[in-house]
Amino acid sequence: MFRGPPRRPFRLVIHVPASTLSVEHGLLKKTFIAGLIARAASIFRVDELAIYMDPDVNARDLKIFREVLRYMATPPYLRRRVIPRSRALRFAGILPPLATPNHPTEDDVYRNHVREGVVVGVPSRGRVCVDAGLDRIYCIDHDRSIKIGEGDIVLVRVENGTVKSIVPWSSIEGVYWVYRFTVYRSLRHSIRSYRGPLIISSRKGGTLAEVSGELQDLLEGAEVLSVVFGSPERDPDEIATHEGWSIDEFRHVSLNSAPLQGVRTIRTYEAVYITLSLLNTFLYDSKGI
């Protein structure tokens, strides 16, 4: 039904510390950096963003991070309905658009396509009213066996600017739609929530050429691939040690994505772009995905 950037045959998850924003001063810069990470996740077709609480996190930065990620993943035409006003989003106007498939353009309105809508009313059983960011709210019939309530986000089919029906999310199964995100109480909890091998982004690791064979073995039969990033103060293995466990408990490869770096430290959001860019090229060249 819908064509767009393809999803990979496995889920790609990135684990990012909540303290990523801690080295930035002021809400404006923190908002911008959170937006850069959301853009990186979208560019490189990350399925899930796992934000983990590390030793250096503070509640204010976590709130900003969470609210910016949610704001950016929400289609612009739905934001006023589903995103409550918040001081943490005061500078949301500087955020770059995601331009993912769930953010349709104005031209898409006049083409047959699918888009997200929010249920704004259930006038009777088997009938719902949906705001899909078009010229008006549309009230349509739907399958009574599927429970839909006010406030639910649904996928709708649009023809010539008119909402025709609600369609199952499986309609976009093979398409990369947008990232999802979850906050976890620790790195260990974050990693254990996804059963799959890990790529650890660390200057202690090997270069892509040095670990390419291990990466190939790691990907064999994997249903989930996690890429783990450290905080501004600690590498992932150091965070694990602080939590009282060892990263060696999990099958992993350590990757140095910027050998001979010319700066003292690479910030987490910079590492996200560098590492995902390398990984994306590796996956495309070696597997066409």
Protein backbone atom coordinates (compact mmCIF):
# COMPACT_ATOMS: atom_id res chain seq x y z
CA MET A 1 0.00 0.00 0.00
CA PHE A 2 2.79 2.43 0.82
CA ARG A 3 6.30 2.78 -0.54
CA GLY A 4 9.08 4.40 1.41
CA PRO A 5 12.56 3.75 2.77
CA PRO A 6 12.84 0.03 3.55
CA ARG A 7 13.11 -1.36 7.03
CA ARG A 8 16.05 -3.63 7.69
CA PRO A 9 15.43 -7.34 8.33
CA PHE A 10 16.40 -6.75 11.97
CA ARG A 11 15.60 -4.02 14.50
CA LEU A 12 18.34 -1.43 14.90
CA VAL A 13 18.45 0.01 18.41
CA ILE A 14 20.73 2.73 19.75
CA HIS A 15 21.35 3.09 23.48
CA VAL A 16 22.09 6.72 24.39
CA PRO A 17 22.77 8.02 27.91
CA ALA A 18 20.31 10.54 29.31
CA SER A 19 23.25 12.74 30.38
CA THR A 20 24.10 13.46 26.72
CA LEU A 21 22.63 16.94 27.20
CA SER A 22 24.55 17.60 30.43
CA VAL A 23 27.60 19.17 28.75
CA GLU A 24 25.41 21.74 26.98
CA HIS A 25 24.48 24.97 28.74
CA GLY A 26 21.00 26.40 28.49
CA LEU A 27 17.70 25.08 27.20
CA LEU A 28 18.32 26.31 23.65
CA LYS A 29 21.47 24.23 23.17
CA LYS A 30 20.05 21.19 24.95
CA THR A 31 16.99 21.31 22.69
CA PHE A 32 19.16 21.54 19.58
CA ILE A 33 21.38 18.59 20.57
CA ALA A 34 18.36 16.39 21.37
CA GLY A 35 17.04 17.32 17.91
CA LEU A 36 20.32 16.33 16.27
CA ILE A 37 20.09 12.87 17.83
CA ALA A 38 16.49 12.49 16.64
CA ARG A 39 17.62 13.46 13.13
CA ALA A 40 20.51 10.97 13.23
CA ALA A 41 18.15 8.18 14.30
CA SER A 42 15.85 9.03 11.39
CA ILE A 43 18.58 9.42 8.76
CA PHE A 44 20.05 6.02 9.55
CA ARG A 45 16.70 4.22 10.03
CA VAL A 46 17.03 3.50 13.72
CA ASP A 47 13.96 1.58 14.86
CA GLU A 48 14.26 2.31 18.55
CA LEU A 49 16.04 4.89 20.67
CA ALA A 50 16.77 3.52 24.15
CA ILE A 51 17.56 6.39 26.51
CA TYR A 52 19.20 4.99 29.62
CA MET A 53 19.75 6.73 32.95
CA ASP A 54 23.48 6.82 33.63
CA PRO A 55 25.36 7.98 36.75
CA ASP A 56 25.64 11.59 35.52
CA VAL A 57 22.02 12.20 34.51
CA ASN A 58 19.77 14.84 36.04
CA ALA A 59 15.98 14.88 35.93
CA ARG A 60 15.73 18.19 34.04
CA ASP A 61 17.88 17.00 31.13
CA LEU A 62 15.99 13.71 30.95
CA LYS A 63 12.68 15.59 30.71
CA ILE A 64 14.00 17.80 27.89
CA PHE A 65 15.39 14.78 26.02
CA ARG A 66 12.17 12.80 26.33
CA GLU A 67 9.87 15.65 25.33
CA VAL A 68 11.96 16.69 22.32
CA LEU A 69 12.12 13.13 21.00
CA ARG A 70 8.36 12.76 21.32
CA TYR A 71 7.71 16.17 19.74
CA MET A 72 9.90 15.45 16.72
CA ALA A 73 8.50 11.97 16.07
CA THR A 74 4.92 13.30 16.08
CA PRO A 75 3.60 14.48 12.69
CA PRO A 76 3.56 18.31 12.70
CA TYR A 77 -0.18 18.47 12.00
CA LEU A 78 -0.96 16.45 15.15
CA ARG A 79 1.31 18.23 17.61
CA ARG A 80 -1.23 20.74 18.88
CA ARG A 81 -3.64 17.92 19.71
CA VAL A 82 -1.29 15.36 21.25
CA ILE A 83 1.67 17.34 22.68
CA PRO A 84 0.83 19.35 25.83
CA ARG A 85 2.40 22.76 26.30
CA SER A 86 5.68 22.50 28.20
CA ARG A 87 8.51 24.77 29.23
CA ALA A 88 10.90 22.05 28.04
CA LEU A 89 9.65 22.70 24.49
CA ARG A 90 10.02 26.47 24.61
CA PHE A 91 12.64 26.38 21.83
CA ALA A 92 10.98 23.68 19.73
CA GLY A 93 10.88 26.14 16.84
CA ILE A 94 14.60 25.66 16.19
CA LEU A 95 14.27 21.90 15.72
CA PRO A 96 14.93 20.59 12.20
CA PRO A 97 12.04 18.71 10.56
CA LEU A 98 12.43 14.94 10.54
CA ALA A 99 10.97 14.52 7.03
CA THR A 100 10.36 10.82 7.75
CA PRO A 101 7.49 9.00 5.98
CA ASN A 102 5.11 9.78 8.86
CA HIS A 103 5.66 13.50 8.14
CA PRO A 104 3.85 13.86 4.78
CA THR A 105 4.33 16.92 2.61
CA GLU A 106 1.56 19.25 1.43
CA ASP A 107 1.72 17.60 -2.01
CA ASP A 108 0.92 14.23 -0.41
CA VAL A 109 -2.54 15.53 0.53
CA TYR A 110 -3.60 15.26 -3.10
CA ARG A 111 -2.07 11.83 -3.67
CA ASN A 112 -3.36 8.49 -2.44
CA HIS A 113 -1.32 7.70 0.66
CA VAL A 114 -1.43 6.63 4.28
CA ARG A 115 -0.85 8.93 7.24
CA GLU A 116 -1.31 9.09 10.98
CA GLY A 117 -4.43 10.54 12.56
CA VAL A 118 -5.72 10.97 16.10
CA VAL A 119 -9.16 9.79 17.17
CA VAL A 120 -11.07 12.82 18.45
CA GLY A 121 -14.44 11.18 18.96
CA VAL A 122 -16.30 7.85 19.01
CA PRO A 123 -19.92 8.80 18.21
CA SER A 124 -21.09 5.19 18.04
CA ARG A 125 -19.79 1.67 18.07
CA GLY A 126 -18.01 0.94 14.80
CA ARG A 127 -17.64 4.62 13.93
CA VAL A 128 -14.86 7.08 14.82
CA CYS A 129 -13.95 10.67 14.06
CA VAL A 130 -10.33 11.27 13.07
CA ASP A 131 -8.18 14.38 12.76
CA ALA A 132 -5.54 13.59 10.13
CA GLY A 133 -4.42 17.15 9.52
CA LEU A 134 -6.60 17.64 6.45
CA ASP A 135 -9.35 20.16 5.64
CA ARG A 136 -11.70 18.84 8.32
CA ILE A 137 -12.31 16.03 10.80
CA TYR A 138 -13.58 12.86 9.12
CA CYS A 139 -16.03 10.43 10.74
CA ILE A 140 -15.70 6.95 9.25
CA ASP A 141 -16.72 3.36 9.87
CA HIS A 142 -14.18 0.88 11.17
CA ASP A 143 -13.91 -2.78 12.10
CA ARG A 144 -15.89 -3.23 15.35
CA SER A 145 -13.64 -6.07 16.48
CA ILE A 146 -10.76 -3.59 16.86
CA LYS A 147 -11.00 -1.44 19.99
CA ILE A 148 -10.32 2.22 19.23
CA GLY A 149 -10.73 5.00 21.77
CA GLU A 150 -10.48 8.76 21.86
CA GLY A 151 -6.86 9.92 21.79
CA ASP A 152 -5.57 6.81 19.98
CA ILE A 153 -3.18 7.31 17.08
CA VAL A 154 -4.36 5.39 14.01
CA LEU A 155 -3.21 4.90 10.45
CA VAL A 156 -5.64 6.10 7.79
CA ARG A 157 -5.89 5.74 4.02
CA VAL A 158 -6.29 9.01 2.14
CA GLU A 159 -7.61 9.37 -1.40
CA ASN A 160 -7.74 12.75 -3.12
CA GLY A 161 -7.45 14.58 0.18
CA THR A 162 -10.22 12.60 1.88
CA VAL A 163 -9.89 10.05 4.70
CA LYS A 164 -11.42 6.81 3.42
CA SER A 165 -10.66 4.21 6.07
CA ILE A 166 -8.54 3.11 9.00
CA VAL A 167 -5.88 0.63 7.93
CA PRO A 168 -3.78 -1.75 10.06
CA TRP A 169 -0.24 -0.76 11.01
CA SER A 170 0.89 -3.88 9.14
CA SER A 171 0.22 -1.88 5.96
CA ILE A 172 3.60 -0.21 6.47
CA GLU A 173 5.38 -3.29 7.84
CA GLY A 174 8.25 -3.17 5.35
CA VAL A 175 8.67 0.60 5.50
CA TYR A 176 10.85 2.62 7.84
CA TRP A 177 8.24 4.96 9.36
CA VAL A 178 9.90 6.74 12.29
CA TYR A 179 11.84 5.86 15.45
CA ARG A 180 10.24 4.84 18.73
CA PHE A 181 11.87 5.66 22.06
CA THR A 182 11.85 4.31 25.61
CA VAL A 183 13.56 5.48 28.81
CA TYR A 184 15.31 2.85 30.94
CA ARG A 185 16.51 3.11 34.53
CA SER A 186 20.06 1.86 33.77
CA LEU A 187 22.34 0.73 30.94
CA ARG A 188 21.96 -2.89 32.02
CA HIS A 189 18.17 -2.66 31.98
CA SER A 190 18.30 -0.99 28.58
CA ILE A 191 20.51 -3.65 27.02
CA ARG A 192 18.61 -6.57 28.59
CA SER A 193 15.36 -5.27 27.12
CA TYR A 194 16.63 -6.17 23.63
CA ARG A 195 17.90 -9.67 23.05
CA GLY A 196 20.64 -9.32 20.50
CA PRO A 197 24.34 -8.62 19.96
CA LEU A 198 25.95 -5.26 20.75
CA ILE A 199 28.24 -2.84 18.98
CA ILE A 200 30.03 -0.79 21.62
CA SER A 201 31.13 2.64 20.41
CA SER A 202 34.47 3.25 22.14
CA ARG A 203 37.90 4.68 21.37
CA LYS A 204 39.26 1.48 22.95
CA GLY A 205 37.78 -0.62 20.13
CA GLY A 206 39.11 -1.69 16.75
CA THR A 207 38.63 0.15 13.47
CA LEU A 208 35.92 -0.93 11.05
CA ALA A 209 38.49 -2.75 8.91
CA GLU A 210 39.82 -4.58 11.97
CA VAL A 211 36.42 -5.75 13.25
CA SER A 212 34.50 -6.23 9.98
CA GLY A 213 34.77 -10.02 10.19
CA GLU A 214 33.43 -9.99 13.76
CA LEU A 215 30.61 -7.70 12.66
CA GLN A 216 29.64 -10.15 9.92
CA ASP A 217 29.50 -12.97 12.47
CA LEU A 218 27.55 -10.75 14.88
CA LEU A 219 24.88 -10.03 12.28
CA GLU A 220 24.34 -13.67 11.33
CA GLY A 221 20.75 -14.49 12.23
CA ALA A 222 20.35 -11.42 14.44
CA GLU A 223 16.81 -10.14 14.97
CA VAL A 224 17.99 -7.12 16.94
CA LEU A 225 21.26 -5.19 16.72
CA SER A 226 22.10 -2.71 19.47
CA VAL A 227 24.64 0.10 19.22
CA VAL A 228 25.70 1.37 22.64
CA PHE A 229 27.07 4.86 23.29
CA GLY A 230 28.76 6.13 26.42
CA SER A 231 28.23 9.36 28.29
CA PRO A 232 30.30 12.56 28.12
CA GLU A 233 32.21 11.30 31.17
CA ARG A 234 32.33 7.48 30.79
CA ASP A 235 32.61 4.77 28.14
CA PRO A 236 29.90 2.05 28.14
CA ASP A 237 32.21 -0.43 29.90
CA GLU A 238 32.89 2.14 32.64
CA ILE A 239 29.19 2.77 33.10
CA ALA A 240 28.65 -1.00 33.37
CA THR A 241 31.39 -1.24 36.01
CA HIS A 242 29.80 1.62 37.96
CA GLU A 243 26.51 -0.29 37.89
CA GLY A 244 28.24 -3.42 39.17
CA TRP A 245 28.42 -5.66 36.11
CA SER A 246 30.62 -6.28 33.06
CA ILE A 247 29.89 -5.53 29.41
CA ASP A 248 31.52 -8.91 28.65
CA GLU A 249 28.32 -10.58 29.85
CA PHE A 250 26.90 -9.76 26.42
CA ARG A 251 28.08 -10.76 22.98
CA HIS A 252 29.63 -7.64 21.52
CA VAL A 253 32.16 -5.95 19.26
CA SER A 254 33.92 -2.73 20.27
CA LEU A 255 34.21 -0.24 17.42
CA ASN A 256 36.42 2.84 17.26
CA SER A 257 34.61 4.89 14.63
CA ALA A 258 37.06 7.82 14.70
CA PRO A 259 40.63 6.49 14.96
CA LEU A 260 43.37 9.10 15.48
CA GLN A 261 40.76 11.65 16.50
CA GLY A 262 42.02 15.22 16.49
CA VAL A 263 40.09 16.35 19.58
CA ARG A 264 40.40 15.35 23.23
CA THR A 265 36.87 13.98 23.38
CA ILE A 266 34.09 13.24 20.95
CA ARG A 267 30.68 14.22 22.26
CA THR A 268 27.95 11.61 22.34
CA TYR A 269 25.84 13.18 19.60
CA GLU A 270 28.94 13.38 17.37
CA ALA A 271 29.69 9.71 18.04
CA VAL A 272 26.09 8.84 17.08
CA TYR A 273 26.50 10.42 13.64
CA ILE A 274 29.99 9.03 13.02
CA THR A 275 29.22 5.48 14.17
CA LEU A 276 25.82 5.16 12.47
CA SER A 277 27.26 6.53 9.23
CA LEU A 278 30.01 3.90 9.25
CA LEU A 279 27.60 1.14 10.19
CA ASN A 280 25.06 2.18 7.55
CA THR A 281 27.72 2.06 4.82
CA PHE A 282 28.98 -1.29 6.08
CA LEU A 283 25.47 -2.79 6.08
CA TYR A 284 24.71 -1.42 2.62
CA ASP A 285 27.99 -2.53 1.04
CA SER A 286 28.03 -5.97 2.64
CA LYS A 287 24.33 -6.87 2.73
CA GLY A 288 22.47 -4.26 0.70
CA ILE A 289 20.34 -3.20 3.68
